[in-house]
Amino acid sequence: MLAMLLLSGCGEPPTAQPALAPGFTFASKSITLPEDRTTLPVGAATALVAQNCTGCHSAEMLTTQPKLNAKTWAAEIAKMRTVYHAPIDPADDERLVAGLMALPTQGSPRP
């Protein structure tokens, strides 16, 4: 009897998907982003910065950051990973901090 009750709900057709509003169509759009004229310096340390950061940040944005110390850069990397789910391998943190601190605008960081 229980099996009959359970099976009695099977076999009903799925509910129909709601129709789109009349006159509604999807259209593709393209945009042209401004050219990034700033480049990161060539080097092993900055290559890791390019690999991990330029998917979201422009080279100009990276090279105009205020001078930060290693602890602050490490906290920024952790924030990108935890808050924004950036796919940064924790094993790369030390080299990534070194790469960020090697950017020309970092000069001698604050203590």
Protein backbone atom coordinates (compact mmCIF):
# COMPACT_ATOMS: atom_id res chain seq x y z
CA MET A 1 0.00 0.00 0.00
CA LEU A 2 2.82 2.41 0.93
CA ALA A 3 4.59 1.60 -2.33
CA MET A 4 1.40 2.37 -4.26
CA LEU A 5 1.13 5.78 -2.60
CA LEU A 6 4.76 6.59 -3.34
CA LEU A 7 4.48 5.49 -6.95
CA SER A 8 1.23 7.35 -7.52
CA GLY A 9 3.18 10.63 -7.63
CA CYS A 10 5.51 9.31 -10.33
CA GLY A 11 4.75 9.72 -13.96
CA GLU A 12 3.40 13.27 -13.81
CA PRO A 13 4.79 15.37 -16.63
CA PRO A 14 7.36 17.98 -15.62
CA THR A 15 6.05 21.49 -15.31
CA ALA A 16 6.59 23.64 -18.38
CA GLN A 17 9.25 26.34 -18.32
CA PRO A 18 7.82 29.86 -18.20
CA ALA A 19 7.85 31.59 -21.56
CA LEU A 20 9.94 34.70 -22.13
CA ALA A 21 8.10 37.98 -22.20
CA PRO A 22 6.88 38.85 -25.69
CA GLY A 23 9.47 40.74 -27.70
CA PHE A 24 12.35 39.68 -25.43
CA THR A 25 15.48 38.48 -27.22
CA PHE A 26 19.04 37.81 -26.16
CA ALA A 27 21.76 39.75 -27.94
CA SER A 28 25.53 39.56 -27.74
CA LYS A 29 27.44 42.74 -27.07
CA SER A 30 31.13 43.41 -27.19
CA ILE A 31 33.10 46.14 -25.50
CA THR A 32 36.55 47.53 -26.06
CA LEU A 33 38.58 47.97 -22.91
CA PRO A 34 41.24 50.65 -22.72
CA GLU A 35 44.71 49.50 -23.64
CA ASP A 36 46.97 48.79 -20.67
CA ARG A 37 50.10 50.74 -21.58
CA THR A 38 51.96 49.83 -18.41
CA THR A 39 53.91 46.59 -18.33
CA LEU A 40 55.37 44.65 -15.48
CA PRO A 41 59.15 44.38 -15.40
CA VAL A 42 60.59 41.17 -16.82
CA GLY A 43 61.87 38.76 -14.21
CA ALA A 44 61.19 35.49 -12.42
CA ALA A 45 59.61 37.21 -9.41
CA THR A 46 57.31 39.43 -11.45
CA ALA A 47 56.35 36.54 -13.76
CA LEU A 48 54.57 34.99 -10.77
CA VAL A 49 52.85 38.32 -10.10
CA ALA A 50 51.67 38.41 -13.73
CA GLN A 51 50.44 34.82 -13.53
CA ASN A 52 48.50 35.29 -10.29
CA CYS A 53 47.38 38.92 -10.34
CA THR A 54 46.81 40.19 -13.89
CA GLY A 55 43.72 38.09 -14.42
CA CYS A 56 41.89 40.66 -12.30
CA HIS A 57 44.29 43.60 -11.94
CA SER A 58 45.97 45.68 -14.63
CA ALA A 59 49.72 46.16 -14.65
CA GLU A 60 49.06 49.85 -14.04
CA MET A 61 47.01 49.09 -10.95
CA LEU A 62 49.74 46.79 -9.63
CA THR A 63 52.53 49.27 -10.26
CA THR A 64 50.76 52.19 -8.61
CA GLN A 65 50.18 50.58 -5.24
CA PRO A 66 51.57 52.37 -2.19
CA LYS A 67 54.79 51.07 -0.68
CA LEU A 68 53.90 48.08 1.48
CA ASN A 69 55.97 45.79 3.66
CA ALA A 70 56.10 42.00 3.28
CA LYS A 71 53.58 41.37 6.06
CA THR A 72 51.02 43.69 4.44
CA TRP A 73 51.52 42.15 0.98
CA ALA A 74 51.07 38.68 2.53
CA ALA A 75 47.80 39.85 4.10
CA GLU A 76 46.65 41.22 0.71
CA ILE A 77 47.41 37.88 -0.95
CA ALA A 78 45.52 36.01 1.79
CA LYS A 79 42.56 38.38 1.31
CA MET A 80 42.52 37.77 -2.45
CA ARG A 81 42.50 34.03 -1.82
CA THR A 82 39.88 33.93 0.94
CA VAL A 83 37.55 36.82 0.15
CA TYR A 84 37.73 36.82 -3.64
CA HIS A 85 38.56 33.11 -4.14
CA ALA A 86 41.65 33.84 -6.22
CA PRO A 87 43.29 30.54 -7.19
CA ILE A 88 46.65 31.42 -5.62
CA ASP A 89 48.68 28.44 -4.41
CA PRO A 90 49.70 29.10 -0.78
CA ALA A 91 53.09 27.56 -1.60
CA ASP A 92 53.72 30.57 -3.87
CA ASP A 93 53.03 33.21 -1.20
CA GLU A 94 56.64 33.92 -0.28
CA ARG A 95 57.76 34.26 -3.92
CA LEU A 96 54.66 36.29 -4.76
CA VAL A 97 55.37 38.72 -1.92
CA ALA A 98 58.96 39.02 -3.22
CA GLY A 99 57.65 39.73 -6.71
CA LEU A 100 55.26 42.40 -5.51
CA MET A 101 57.97 44.04 -3.45
CA ALA A 102 60.27 43.97 -6.50
CA LEU A 103 57.92 46.23 -8.48
CA PRO A 104 59.60 49.56 -9.29
CA THR A 105 57.12 51.65 -7.32
CA GLN A 106 57.74 49.64 -4.16
CA GLY A 107 61.29 50.93 -3.75
CA SER A 108 62.15 50.64 -0.11
CA PRO A 109 58.96 49.57 1.66
CA ARG A 110 57.76 50.98 4.92
CA PRO A 111 58.67 48.92 8.00
